N, C-alpha and C. Protein backbone atom coordinates (compact mmCIF):
# COMPACT_ATOMS: atom_id res chain seq x y z
N MET A 1 -40.94 66.41 58.26
CA MET A 1 -41.24 67.69 57.66
C MET A 1 -40.15 68.69 58.03
N ASP A 2 -39.75 69.53 57.06
CA ASP A 2 -38.71 70.51 57.32
C ASP A 2 -39.18 71.52 58.36
N LEU A 3 -38.37 71.73 59.39
CA LEU A 3 -38.75 72.63 60.48
C LEU A 3 -39.03 74.04 59.99
N PHE A 4 -38.24 74.52 59.05
CA PHE A 4 -38.36 75.91 58.61
C PHE A 4 -39.32 76.08 57.43
N ASP A 5 -39.27 75.17 56.48
CA ASP A 5 -39.93 75.39 55.19
C ASP A 5 -41.37 74.92 55.13
N THR A 6 -41.77 74.01 55.99
CA THR A 6 -43.12 73.45 55.91
C THR A 6 -44.16 74.47 56.35
N PRO A 7 -45.14 74.79 55.50
CA PRO A 7 -46.18 75.75 55.90
C PRO A 7 -46.97 75.26 57.11
N THR A 8 -47.40 76.20 57.93
CA THR A 8 -48.19 75.86 59.11
C THR A 8 -49.47 75.15 58.72
N THR A 9 -50.02 75.50 57.56
CA THR A 9 -51.25 74.84 57.12
C THR A 9 -51.04 73.35 56.90
N VAL A 10 -49.84 72.98 56.43
CA VAL A 10 -49.54 71.56 56.23
C VAL A 10 -49.43 70.84 57.56
N LEU A 11 -48.75 71.45 58.51
CA LEU A 11 -48.62 70.84 59.83
C LEU A 11 -49.99 70.67 60.48
N SER A 12 -50.83 71.69 60.35
CA SER A 12 -52.18 71.62 60.93
C SER A 12 -53.01 70.54 60.26
N ALA A 13 -52.88 70.42 58.93
CA ALA A 13 -53.64 69.40 58.21
C ALA A 13 -53.21 68.00 58.64
N LEU A 14 -51.92 67.81 58.82
CA LEU A 14 -51.43 66.50 59.26
C LEU A 14 -51.95 66.15 60.65
N HIS A 15 -51.93 67.13 61.54
CA HIS A 15 -52.45 66.88 62.88
C HIS A 15 -53.94 66.59 62.86
N SER A 16 -54.67 67.26 61.99
CA SER A 16 -56.12 67.03 61.91
C SER A 16 -56.43 65.63 61.40
N GLN A 17 -55.48 65.02 60.70
CA GLN A 17 -55.63 63.65 60.22
C GLN A 17 -55.11 62.62 61.22
N GLY A 18 -54.71 63.09 62.39
CA GLY A 18 -54.18 62.19 63.41
C GLY A 18 -52.74 61.77 63.17
N LYS A 19 -52.03 62.53 62.32
CA LYS A 19 -50.64 62.19 62.02
C LYS A 19 -49.70 62.70 63.11
N TYR A 20 -48.61 61.99 63.27
CA TYR A 20 -47.55 62.36 64.20
C TYR A 20 -46.48 63.07 63.39
N VAL A 21 -46.20 64.32 63.71
CA VAL A 21 -45.32 65.15 62.90
C VAL A 21 -43.90 65.20 63.48
N ILE A 22 -42.94 64.75 62.69
CA ILE A 22 -41.52 64.83 63.05
C ILE A 22 -40.88 65.93 62.21
N CYS A 23 -40.24 66.88 62.85
CA CYS A 23 -39.66 68.02 62.16
C CYS A 23 -38.15 67.86 62.02
N TYR A 24 -37.68 68.08 60.81
CA TYR A 24 -36.27 67.92 60.45
C TYR A 24 -35.51 69.24 60.57
N PHE A 25 -34.31 69.17 61.12
CA PHE A 25 -33.35 70.27 61.00
C PHE A 25 -31.95 69.70 61.11
N SER A 26 -30.98 70.41 60.56
CA SER A 26 -29.60 69.96 60.68
C SER A 26 -29.02 70.48 61.99
N ALA A 27 -28.56 69.55 62.81
CA ALA A 27 -27.96 69.93 64.09
C ALA A 27 -26.44 69.92 64.03
N GLY A 28 -25.89 69.51 62.88
CA GLY A 28 -24.45 69.41 62.78
C GLY A 28 -23.84 70.24 61.69
N SER A 29 -24.66 71.07 61.04
CA SER A 29 -24.13 71.91 59.97
C SER A 29 -24.84 73.25 59.93
N ALA A 30 -24.15 74.22 59.34
CA ALA A 30 -24.73 75.54 59.08
C ALA A 30 -25.06 75.61 57.60
N GLU A 31 -26.33 75.87 57.30
CA GLU A 31 -26.81 75.94 55.91
C GLU A 31 -27.10 77.41 55.60
N ASP A 32 -26.46 77.92 54.57
CA ASP A 32 -26.51 79.37 54.37
C ASP A 32 -27.85 79.91 53.88
N TRP A 33 -28.82 79.02 53.67
CA TRP A 33 -30.15 79.46 53.26
C TRP A 33 -31.15 79.49 54.43
N ARG A 34 -30.74 79.09 55.60
CA ARG A 34 -31.65 79.05 56.74
C ARG A 34 -31.81 80.45 57.36
N PRO A 35 -32.99 80.75 57.91
CA PRO A 35 -33.23 82.11 58.43
C PRO A 35 -32.37 82.48 59.63
N ASP A 36 -31.83 81.50 60.35
CA ASP A 36 -30.99 81.81 61.51
C ASP A 36 -29.50 81.66 61.21
N TYR A 37 -29.15 81.58 59.94
CA TYR A 37 -27.75 81.34 59.56
C TYR A 37 -26.81 82.41 60.11
N ALA A 38 -27.26 83.66 60.16
CA ALA A 38 -26.40 84.76 60.62
C ALA A 38 -25.98 84.60 62.08
N ARG A 39 -26.66 83.76 62.83
CA ARG A 39 -26.30 83.56 64.23
C ARG A 39 -25.02 82.73 64.39
N PHE A 40 -24.66 81.96 63.37
CA PHE A 40 -23.43 81.17 63.45
C PHE A 40 -22.23 82.10 63.29
N GLN A 41 -21.28 82.00 64.20
CA GLN A 41 -20.06 82.78 64.09
C GLN A 41 -19.10 82.09 63.13
N SER A 42 -18.15 82.85 62.62
CA SER A 42 -17.19 82.27 61.68
C SER A 42 -16.39 81.15 62.34
N THR A 43 -16.13 81.30 63.65
CA THR A 43 -15.37 80.27 64.37
C THR A 43 -16.20 79.01 64.61
N ASP A 44 -17.51 79.10 64.43
CA ASP A 44 -18.38 77.93 64.58
C ASP A 44 -18.34 77.03 63.35
N GLN A 45 -17.88 77.57 62.21
CA GLN A 45 -18.02 76.88 60.94
C GLN A 45 -16.69 76.27 60.48
N GLY A 46 -16.79 75.03 60.02
CA GLY A 46 -15.61 74.31 59.57
C GLY A 46 -15.64 74.01 58.09
N ASN A 47 -15.35 72.77 57.74
CA ASN A 47 -15.27 72.36 56.34
C ASN A 47 -16.64 72.24 55.71
N MET A 48 -16.65 72.34 54.38
CA MET A 48 -17.88 72.11 53.63
C MET A 48 -18.27 70.64 53.72
N LEU A 49 -19.56 70.37 53.71
CA LEU A 49 -20.04 68.99 53.59
C LEU A 49 -19.89 68.56 52.14
N ALA A 50 -19.24 67.47 51.91
CA ALA A 50 -19.02 66.99 50.55
C ALA A 50 -20.35 66.77 49.84
N GLY A 51 -20.50 67.42 48.69
CA GLY A 51 -21.70 67.23 47.89
C GLY A 51 -22.86 68.13 48.24
N TRP A 52 -22.70 69.00 49.24
CA TRP A 52 -23.82 69.84 49.67
C TRP A 52 -23.38 71.30 49.64
N VAL A 53 -23.79 72.02 48.60
CA VAL A 53 -23.39 73.41 48.41
C VAL A 53 -24.01 74.29 49.50
N GLY A 54 -23.19 75.18 50.05
CA GLY A 54 -23.69 76.14 51.03
C GLY A 54 -23.83 75.59 52.43
N GLU A 55 -23.21 74.44 52.70
CA GLU A 55 -23.39 73.79 54.00
C GLU A 55 -22.02 73.44 54.59
N ARG A 56 -21.81 73.85 55.84
CA ARG A 56 -20.54 73.59 56.52
C ARG A 56 -20.78 72.88 57.86
N TRP A 57 -19.84 72.00 58.21
CA TRP A 57 -19.86 71.40 59.53
C TRP A 57 -19.71 72.49 60.58
N ILE A 58 -20.29 72.26 61.76
CA ILE A 58 -20.18 73.24 62.84
C ILE A 58 -19.52 72.61 64.06
N ASP A 59 -18.98 73.46 64.91
CA ASP A 59 -18.29 73.01 66.11
C ASP A 59 -19.32 72.73 67.19
N THR A 60 -19.61 71.47 67.42
CA THR A 60 -20.67 71.09 68.34
C THR A 60 -20.29 71.31 69.80
N ARG A 61 -19.06 71.71 70.05
CA ARG A 61 -18.64 72.06 71.41
C ARG A 61 -18.99 73.50 71.75
N SER A 62 -19.33 74.29 70.75
CA SER A 62 -19.55 75.73 70.91
C SER A 62 -20.84 76.03 71.67
N ALA A 63 -20.74 76.90 72.67
CA ALA A 63 -21.92 77.32 73.41
C ALA A 63 -22.88 78.07 72.49
N ASN A 64 -22.34 78.82 71.54
CA ASN A 64 -23.20 79.54 70.60
C ASN A 64 -23.99 78.58 69.72
N VAL A 65 -23.32 77.53 69.22
CA VAL A 65 -24.00 76.52 68.42
C VAL A 65 -25.13 75.88 69.23
N ARG A 66 -24.86 75.56 70.47
CA ARG A 66 -25.88 74.91 71.29
C ARG A 66 -27.06 75.84 71.56
N SER A 67 -26.79 77.13 71.69
CA SER A 67 -27.90 78.07 71.89
C SER A 67 -28.76 78.18 70.64
N ILE A 68 -28.13 78.09 69.46
CA ILE A 68 -28.89 78.09 68.20
C ILE A 68 -29.78 76.86 68.13
N MET A 69 -29.24 75.71 68.51
CA MET A 69 -30.04 74.48 68.47
C MET A 69 -31.16 74.51 69.50
N ALA A 70 -30.91 75.11 70.66
CA ALA A 70 -31.98 75.25 71.64
C ALA A 70 -33.11 76.11 71.09
N ALA A 71 -32.74 77.17 70.36
CA ALA A 71 -33.76 78.03 69.75
C ALA A 71 -34.53 77.28 68.67
N ARG A 72 -33.85 76.42 67.94
CA ARG A 72 -34.54 75.62 66.93
C ARG A 72 -35.53 74.66 67.58
N LEU A 73 -35.14 74.10 68.70
CA LEU A 73 -36.06 73.21 69.42
C LEU A 73 -37.25 74.00 69.98
N ASP A 74 -37.02 75.23 70.42
CA ASP A 74 -38.12 76.09 70.84
C ASP A 74 -39.08 76.32 69.68
N LEU A 75 -38.52 76.57 68.50
CA LEU A 75 -39.35 76.78 67.31
C LEU A 75 -40.15 75.52 66.99
N ALA A 76 -39.52 74.37 67.10
CA ALA A 76 -40.22 73.11 66.84
C ALA A 76 -41.39 72.95 67.79
N LYS A 77 -41.18 73.26 69.04
CA LYS A 77 -42.26 73.18 70.02
C LYS A 77 -43.38 74.15 69.68
N THR A 78 -43.01 75.38 69.34
CA THR A 78 -44.00 76.40 68.99
C THR A 78 -44.81 76.00 67.76
N ARG A 79 -44.15 75.35 66.81
CA ARG A 79 -44.82 74.97 65.57
C ARG A 79 -45.67 73.71 65.74
N GLY A 80 -45.61 73.09 66.88
CA GLY A 80 -46.44 71.93 67.13
C GLY A 80 -45.84 70.61 66.70
N CYS A 81 -44.51 70.56 66.54
CA CYS A 81 -43.86 69.30 66.16
C CYS A 81 -43.97 68.32 67.33
N ASP A 82 -44.34 67.09 67.01
CA ASP A 82 -44.43 66.06 68.03
C ASP A 82 -43.06 65.45 68.33
N GLY A 83 -42.21 65.44 67.32
CA GLY A 83 -40.85 64.91 67.46
C GLY A 83 -39.92 65.68 66.56
N VAL A 84 -38.62 65.44 66.73
CA VAL A 84 -37.62 66.13 65.89
C VAL A 84 -36.60 65.12 65.38
N GLU A 85 -36.04 65.47 64.24
CA GLU A 85 -35.01 64.66 63.57
C GLU A 85 -33.77 65.53 63.38
N PRO A 86 -32.89 65.61 64.37
CA PRO A 86 -31.66 66.37 64.20
C PRO A 86 -30.70 65.59 63.28
N ASP A 87 -30.29 66.22 62.20
CA ASP A 87 -29.45 65.54 61.21
C ASP A 87 -27.98 65.90 61.40
N ASN A 88 -27.12 65.14 60.72
CA ASN A 88 -25.67 65.39 60.71
C ASN A 88 -25.08 65.36 62.12
N VAL A 89 -25.43 64.33 62.86
CA VAL A 89 -24.96 64.21 64.24
C VAL A 89 -23.84 63.17 64.35
N ASP A 90 -23.04 63.08 63.30
CA ASP A 90 -21.89 62.17 63.31
C ASP A 90 -20.65 62.85 62.73
N ALA A 91 -20.51 64.15 63.04
CA ALA A 91 -19.40 64.93 62.47
C ALA A 91 -18.04 64.34 62.79
N TYR A 92 -17.89 63.78 63.97
CA TYR A 92 -16.58 63.28 64.40
C TYR A 92 -16.04 62.20 63.48
N SER A 93 -16.93 61.50 62.77
CA SER A 93 -16.49 60.42 61.88
C SER A 93 -16.33 60.90 60.44
N ASN A 94 -16.43 62.21 60.24
CA ASN A 94 -16.23 62.80 58.92
C ASN A 94 -14.97 63.67 58.96
N ALA A 95 -14.97 64.77 58.26
CA ALA A 95 -13.82 65.69 58.27
C ALA A 95 -14.35 67.09 58.53
N PRO A 96 -14.76 67.37 59.77
CA PRO A 96 -15.47 68.62 60.05
C PRO A 96 -14.59 69.86 60.08
N GLY A 97 -13.28 69.67 60.23
CA GLY A 97 -12.40 70.83 60.35
C GLY A 97 -12.16 71.23 61.79
N PHE A 98 -12.65 70.44 62.72
CA PHE A 98 -12.45 70.65 64.15
C PHE A 98 -11.94 69.35 64.76
N THR A 99 -11.38 69.45 65.94
CA THR A 99 -10.92 68.26 66.64
C THR A 99 -12.07 67.68 67.45
N LEU A 100 -13.01 67.08 66.75
CA LEU A 100 -14.15 66.45 67.41
C LEU A 100 -13.85 64.97 67.59
N THR A 101 -14.34 64.41 68.68
CA THR A 101 -14.08 63.01 69.00
C THR A 101 -15.39 62.28 69.23
N ALA A 102 -15.29 60.97 69.39
CA ALA A 102 -16.47 60.18 69.72
C ALA A 102 -17.12 60.70 71.00
N GLN A 103 -16.31 61.11 71.96
CA GLN A 103 -16.85 61.58 73.23
C GLN A 103 -17.56 62.93 73.08
N THR A 104 -16.97 63.85 72.30
CA THR A 104 -17.66 65.13 72.10
C THR A 104 -18.96 64.93 71.35
N GLN A 105 -19.00 63.95 70.44
CA GLN A 105 -20.24 63.66 69.71
C GLN A 105 -21.30 63.09 70.65
N LEU A 106 -20.91 62.18 71.50
CA LEU A 106 -21.86 61.62 72.47
C LEU A 106 -22.44 62.73 73.35
N ASP A 107 -21.58 63.60 73.82
CA ASP A 107 -22.03 64.69 74.68
C ASP A 107 -23.03 65.59 73.96
N TYR A 108 -22.74 65.91 72.70
CA TYR A 108 -23.63 66.78 71.93
C TYR A 108 -24.95 66.10 71.62
N ASN A 109 -24.89 64.85 71.20
CA ASN A 109 -26.12 64.15 70.85
C ASN A 109 -27.02 63.96 72.07
N GLN A 110 -26.41 63.70 73.22
CA GLN A 110 -27.21 63.58 74.45
C GLN A 110 -27.79 64.92 74.86
N TYR A 111 -27.05 65.99 74.58
CA TYR A 111 -27.59 67.34 74.82
C TYR A 111 -28.84 67.57 73.98
N LEU A 112 -28.78 67.23 72.70
CA LEU A 112 -29.94 67.41 71.83
C LEU A 112 -31.13 66.60 72.32
N ALA A 113 -30.89 65.36 72.72
CA ALA A 113 -31.97 64.51 73.19
C ALA A 113 -32.61 65.07 74.45
N THR A 114 -31.78 65.49 75.38
CA THR A 114 -32.29 66.03 76.64
C THR A 114 -33.09 67.30 76.41
N GLN A 115 -32.59 68.17 75.55
CA GLN A 115 -33.27 69.43 75.28
C GLN A 115 -34.61 69.21 74.58
N ALA A 116 -34.66 68.28 73.64
CA ALA A 116 -35.92 68.00 72.95
C ALA A 116 -36.95 67.42 73.92
N GLN A 117 -36.53 66.46 74.71
CA GLN A 117 -37.45 65.82 75.63
C GLN A 117 -37.91 66.77 76.73
N ALA A 118 -37.05 67.71 77.12
CA ALA A 118 -37.44 68.70 78.12
C ALA A 118 -38.57 69.59 77.61
N ARG A 119 -38.70 69.68 76.29
CA ARG A 119 -39.77 70.47 75.67
C ARG A 119 -40.98 69.62 75.32
N GLY A 120 -40.98 68.37 75.76
CA GLY A 120 -42.12 67.50 75.55
C GLY A 120 -42.18 66.87 74.18
N MET A 121 -41.06 66.83 73.48
CA MET A 121 -41.02 66.23 72.14
C MET A 121 -40.19 64.96 72.16
N ARG A 122 -40.51 64.04 71.26
CA ARG A 122 -39.68 62.87 71.05
C ARG A 122 -38.51 63.26 70.14
N VAL A 123 -37.46 62.46 70.18
CA VAL A 123 -36.27 62.79 69.39
C VAL A 123 -35.70 61.52 68.79
N GLY A 124 -35.29 61.62 67.52
CA GLY A 124 -34.75 60.47 66.82
C GLY A 124 -33.24 60.58 66.62
N LEU A 125 -32.57 59.43 66.73
CA LEU A 125 -31.14 59.36 66.42
C LEU A 125 -30.98 59.13 64.93
N LYS A 126 -30.35 60.08 64.24
CA LYS A 126 -30.17 60.01 62.80
C LYS A 126 -28.79 59.42 62.49
N ASN A 127 -28.77 58.24 61.89
CA ASN A 127 -27.52 57.57 61.55
C ASN A 127 -26.63 57.43 62.80
N ASP A 128 -25.39 57.88 62.76
CA ASP A 128 -24.42 57.71 63.86
C ASP A 128 -24.44 56.27 64.36
N VAL A 129 -24.32 55.35 63.41
CA VAL A 129 -24.48 53.93 63.70
C VAL A 129 -23.47 53.43 64.73
N ALA A 130 -22.26 53.96 64.71
CA ALA A 130 -21.22 53.47 65.61
C ALA A 130 -21.52 53.74 67.08
N GLN A 131 -22.46 54.67 67.35
CA GLN A 131 -22.74 55.03 68.74
C GLN A 131 -24.13 54.60 69.20
N ILE A 132 -24.74 53.68 68.49
CA ILE A 132 -26.08 53.22 68.84
C ILE A 132 -26.13 52.69 70.26
N THR A 133 -25.18 51.87 70.64
CA THR A 133 -25.21 51.25 71.96
C THR A 133 -25.25 52.30 73.06
N ALA A 134 -24.42 53.33 72.93
CA ALA A 134 -24.36 54.37 73.96
C ALA A 134 -25.56 55.30 73.93
N LEU A 135 -26.13 55.53 72.75
CA LEU A 135 -27.17 56.56 72.60
C LEU A 135 -28.60 56.02 72.62
N GLN A 136 -28.78 54.74 72.39
CA GLN A 136 -30.15 54.20 72.35
C GLN A 136 -30.97 54.58 73.59
N PRO A 137 -30.41 54.51 74.81
CA PRO A 137 -31.23 54.86 75.97
C PRO A 137 -31.73 56.30 75.98
N SER A 138 -31.03 57.21 75.29
CA SER A 138 -31.36 58.63 75.32
C SER A 138 -32.35 59.05 74.24
N PHE A 139 -32.56 58.19 73.23
CA PHE A 139 -33.40 58.56 72.08
C PHE A 139 -34.67 57.72 72.03
N ASP A 140 -35.70 58.30 71.42
CA ASP A 140 -37.02 57.67 71.39
C ASP A 140 -37.26 56.81 70.16
N PHE A 141 -36.55 57.09 69.08
CA PHE A 141 -36.64 56.32 67.85
C PHE A 141 -35.37 56.57 67.06
N ALA A 142 -35.22 55.87 65.96
CA ALA A 142 -34.03 56.06 65.12
C ALA A 142 -34.44 56.24 63.67
N ILE A 143 -33.65 57.03 62.96
CA ILE A 143 -33.80 57.20 61.52
C ILE A 143 -32.46 56.86 60.88
N ASN A 144 -32.49 55.97 59.91
CA ASN A 144 -31.25 55.54 59.27
C ASN A 144 -31.34 55.71 57.77
N GLU A 145 -30.21 56.01 57.16
CA GLU A 145 -30.08 56.04 55.72
C GLU A 145 -29.11 54.95 55.27
N GLN A 146 -29.62 54.01 54.50
CA GLN A 146 -28.83 53.02 53.78
C GLN A 146 -28.12 51.99 54.66
N CYS A 147 -28.73 51.59 55.76
CA CYS A 147 -28.07 50.55 56.55
C CYS A 147 -28.07 49.21 55.82
N HIS A 148 -29.05 48.98 54.93
CA HIS A 148 -29.01 47.76 54.11
C HIS A 148 -27.86 47.82 53.12
N ALA A 149 -27.70 48.97 52.48
CA ALA A 149 -26.64 49.12 51.47
C ALA A 149 -25.26 48.95 52.10
N TYR A 150 -25.11 49.42 53.34
CA TYR A 150 -23.80 49.36 53.99
C TYR A 150 -23.69 48.23 55.01
N ASN A 151 -24.70 47.38 55.05
CA ASN A 151 -24.69 46.23 55.97
C ASN A 151 -24.50 46.67 57.41
N GLU A 152 -25.29 47.67 57.82
CA GLU A 152 -25.17 48.24 59.16
C GLU A 152 -26.47 48.15 59.96
N CYS A 153 -27.41 47.33 59.54
CA CYS A 153 -28.73 47.32 60.17
C CYS A 153 -28.77 46.58 61.50
N ALA A 154 -27.83 45.66 61.70
CA ALA A 154 -27.92 44.77 62.87
C ALA A 154 -27.97 45.53 64.19
N GLY A 155 -27.23 46.61 64.28
CA GLY A 155 -27.17 47.35 65.54
C GLY A 155 -28.50 47.92 65.98
N TYR A 156 -29.42 48.10 65.02
CA TYR A 156 -30.70 48.70 65.37
C TYR A 156 -31.61 47.75 66.15
N SER A 157 -31.17 46.51 66.33
CA SER A 157 -31.94 45.59 67.18
C SER A 157 -32.04 46.14 68.60
N LEU A 158 -31.08 46.98 69.01
CA LEU A 158 -31.14 47.59 70.34
C LEU A 158 -32.35 48.51 70.47
N PHE A 159 -32.68 49.23 69.41
CA PHE A 159 -33.89 50.06 69.41
C PHE A 159 -35.13 49.18 69.35
N ILE A 160 -35.14 48.24 68.43
CA ILE A 160 -36.30 47.39 68.24
C ILE A 160 -36.64 46.62 69.51
N ASN A 161 -35.62 46.05 70.14
CA ASN A 161 -35.84 45.26 71.36
C ASN A 161 -36.31 46.12 72.53
N ALA A 162 -36.03 47.41 72.46
CA ALA A 162 -36.48 48.35 73.50
C ALA A 162 -37.86 48.93 73.17
N GLY A 163 -38.48 48.45 72.09
CA GLY A 163 -39.79 48.94 71.70
C GLY A 163 -39.78 50.29 71.04
N LYS A 164 -38.63 50.65 70.45
CA LYS A 164 -38.49 51.95 69.81
C LYS A 164 -38.41 51.75 68.29
N PRO A 165 -39.21 52.48 67.51
CA PRO A 165 -39.23 52.26 66.06
C PRO A 165 -37.97 52.74 65.37
N VAL A 166 -37.67 52.07 64.24
CA VAL A 166 -36.54 52.45 63.40
C VAL A 166 -37.06 52.67 61.98
N PHE A 167 -36.85 53.87 61.46
CA PHE A 167 -37.27 54.24 60.11
C PHE A 167 -36.04 54.30 59.22
N ASN A 168 -36.09 53.59 58.10
CA ASN A 168 -34.92 53.43 57.24
C ASN A 168 -35.23 53.87 55.82
N ALA A 169 -34.32 54.64 55.22
CA ALA A 169 -34.45 55.05 53.82
C ALA A 169 -33.28 54.46 53.03
N GLU A 170 -33.59 53.89 51.88
CA GLU A 170 -32.57 53.34 51.00
C GLU A 170 -32.66 54.06 49.65
N TYR A 171 -31.49 54.30 49.02
CA TYR A 171 -31.43 55.10 47.80
C TYR A 171 -30.84 54.38 46.59
N GLN A 172 -30.31 53.17 46.75
CA GLN A 172 -29.63 52.52 45.63
C GLN A 172 -30.59 52.28 44.46
N SER A 173 -30.09 52.55 43.25
CA SER A 173 -30.92 52.43 42.05
C SER A 173 -31.38 51.00 41.81
N LEU A 174 -30.60 50.02 42.28
CA LEU A 174 -30.97 48.61 42.09
C LEU A 174 -32.35 48.34 42.66
N TRP A 175 -32.65 48.91 43.81
CA TRP A 175 -33.93 48.65 44.46
C TRP A 175 -35.07 49.45 43.85
N VAL A 176 -34.73 50.35 42.95
CA VAL A 176 -35.75 51.08 42.19
C VAL A 176 -36.07 50.33 40.90
N THR A 177 -35.04 49.83 40.24
CA THR A 177 -35.23 49.26 38.91
C THR A 177 -35.48 47.76 38.90
N ASP A 178 -35.11 47.06 39.96
CA ASP A 178 -35.22 45.60 40.00
C ASP A 178 -36.22 45.19 41.09
N ALA A 179 -37.41 44.81 40.68
CA ALA A 179 -38.47 44.46 41.63
C ALA A 179 -38.09 43.25 42.48
N ASN A 180 -37.36 42.30 41.90
CA ASN A 180 -36.96 41.12 42.66
C ASN A 180 -35.95 41.49 43.76
N ALA A 181 -35.00 42.34 43.40
CA ALA A 181 -34.03 42.79 44.40
C ALA A 181 -34.73 43.58 45.50
N ARG A 182 -35.70 44.38 45.13
CA ARG A 182 -36.44 45.16 46.13
C ARG A 182 -37.26 44.24 47.04
N ALA A 183 -37.81 43.19 46.48
CA ALA A 183 -38.56 42.23 47.29
C ALA A 183 -37.65 41.55 48.32
N THR A 184 -36.42 41.24 47.91
CA THR A 184 -35.46 40.64 48.84
C THR A 184 -35.10 41.63 49.94
N LEU A 185 -34.86 42.88 49.54
CA LEU A 185 -34.59 43.93 50.52
C LEU A 185 -35.72 44.02 51.54
N CYS A 186 -36.95 44.06 51.05
CA CYS A 186 -38.09 44.24 51.94
C CYS A 186 -38.31 43.04 52.84
N GLN A 187 -38.02 41.87 52.32
CA GLN A 187 -38.14 40.68 53.15
C GLN A 187 -37.21 40.77 54.36
N GLY A 188 -35.98 41.22 54.12
CA GLY A 188 -35.02 41.38 55.21
C GLY A 188 -35.43 42.48 56.17
N ALA A 189 -35.98 43.58 55.63
CA ALA A 189 -36.42 44.69 56.49
C ALA A 189 -37.57 44.26 57.40
N ARG A 190 -38.53 43.56 56.83
CA ARG A 190 -39.67 43.10 57.65
C ARG A 190 -39.23 42.10 58.71
N ALA A 191 -38.27 41.25 58.37
CA ALA A 191 -37.81 40.23 59.31
C ALA A 191 -37.15 40.86 60.53
N THR A 192 -36.59 42.05 60.37
CA THR A 192 -35.92 42.72 61.48
C THR A 192 -36.71 43.91 62.02
N ASN A 193 -37.98 44.04 61.56
CA ASN A 193 -38.88 45.10 62.05
C ASN A 193 -38.39 46.51 61.75
N LEU A 194 -37.68 46.68 60.63
CA LEU A 194 -37.30 48.01 60.19
C LEU A 194 -38.38 48.55 59.25
N ARG A 195 -38.73 49.80 59.42
CA ARG A 195 -39.70 50.47 58.54
C ARG A 195 -38.93 51.08 57.37
N THR A 196 -38.88 50.36 56.26
CA THR A 196 -37.98 50.72 55.16
C THR A 196 -38.74 51.30 53.97
N LEU A 197 -38.22 52.41 53.45
CA LEU A 197 -38.70 53.02 52.21
C LEU A 197 -37.53 53.11 51.24
N VAL A 198 -37.80 52.90 49.95
CA VAL A 198 -36.84 53.18 48.89
C VAL A 198 -37.24 54.52 48.28
N LEU A 199 -36.33 55.49 48.32
CA LEU A 199 -36.66 56.87 47.95
C LEU A 199 -35.59 57.45 47.03
N PRO A 200 -35.93 58.53 46.31
CA PRO A 200 -34.89 59.27 45.56
C PRO A 200 -34.04 60.06 46.54
N LEU A 201 -32.73 60.12 46.29
CA LEU A 201 -31.83 60.83 47.19
C LEU A 201 -32.23 62.30 47.35
N SER A 202 -32.79 62.88 46.31
CA SER A 202 -33.21 64.28 46.37
C SER A 202 -34.49 64.47 47.18
N LEU A 203 -35.14 63.37 47.55
CA LEU A 203 -36.40 63.42 48.31
C LEU A 203 -37.44 64.31 47.62
N ASN A 204 -37.51 64.19 46.30
CA ASN A 204 -38.47 65.02 45.54
C ASN A 204 -39.80 64.32 45.30
N ASP A 205 -40.00 63.16 45.94
CA ASP A 205 -41.26 62.40 45.87
C ASP A 205 -41.57 61.93 44.46
N SER A 206 -40.53 61.77 43.60
CA SER A 206 -40.77 61.27 42.26
C SER A 206 -41.13 59.79 42.27
N PHE A 207 -40.75 59.08 43.32
CA PHE A 207 -41.20 57.71 43.53
C PHE A 207 -41.04 57.38 45.01
N ARG A 208 -41.73 56.33 45.41
CA ARG A 208 -41.66 55.89 46.81
C ARG A 208 -42.10 54.44 46.87
N TYR A 209 -41.22 53.58 47.31
CA TYR A 209 -41.54 52.16 47.48
C TYR A 209 -41.46 51.83 48.97
N SER A 210 -42.53 51.28 49.49
CA SER A 210 -42.59 50.96 50.90
C SER A 210 -42.48 49.46 51.11
N CYS A 211 -41.72 49.04 52.11
CA CYS A 211 -41.61 47.63 52.46
C CYS A 211 -42.70 47.19 53.43
N ASP A 212 -43.49 48.12 53.94
CA ASP A 212 -44.58 47.75 54.86
C ASP A 212 -45.76 47.16 54.09
């Protein structure tokens, strides 16, 4: 559920149904429609995210950026989120406009995990497949996009073998239009204990296919 946009009534209804609520926010970008956007300094903001209007990579080394993320985690705690999904935590492997490295990314992602857990919330590793080995011990679960499409699912055995769930979303049209191809996808997902959904990239709930 979106940390900012989801009504409190929805969060309360989910909890009343015994649901575990994971709240989403971007930890690696500044989105100009968010209520705390003005807190980002111009020096915190780098290149635009390709394909995402109004969104820029941020300098994860910045003390100001980290204070904004700490405030977001405070908000998540206040809103009753059981866990959080910090997104865009692989800036170093993109073109952020800053000199970010694998090591600065590890440091930042571990900061996010520590801060979330210090507030009594679980935290998920979103993508950042290349750093699974180093980060698995720090995170409680993983969320992946398109590891089947990119043949990147194998690394998640580190989470599975540690008893930590992995939630996977796939967007390729083949798995929407071809039931046989989707059945093959789901067979592979179940064999490796991945919780896989086929969803629209826009996440507008126009369809949803579950492999469970």
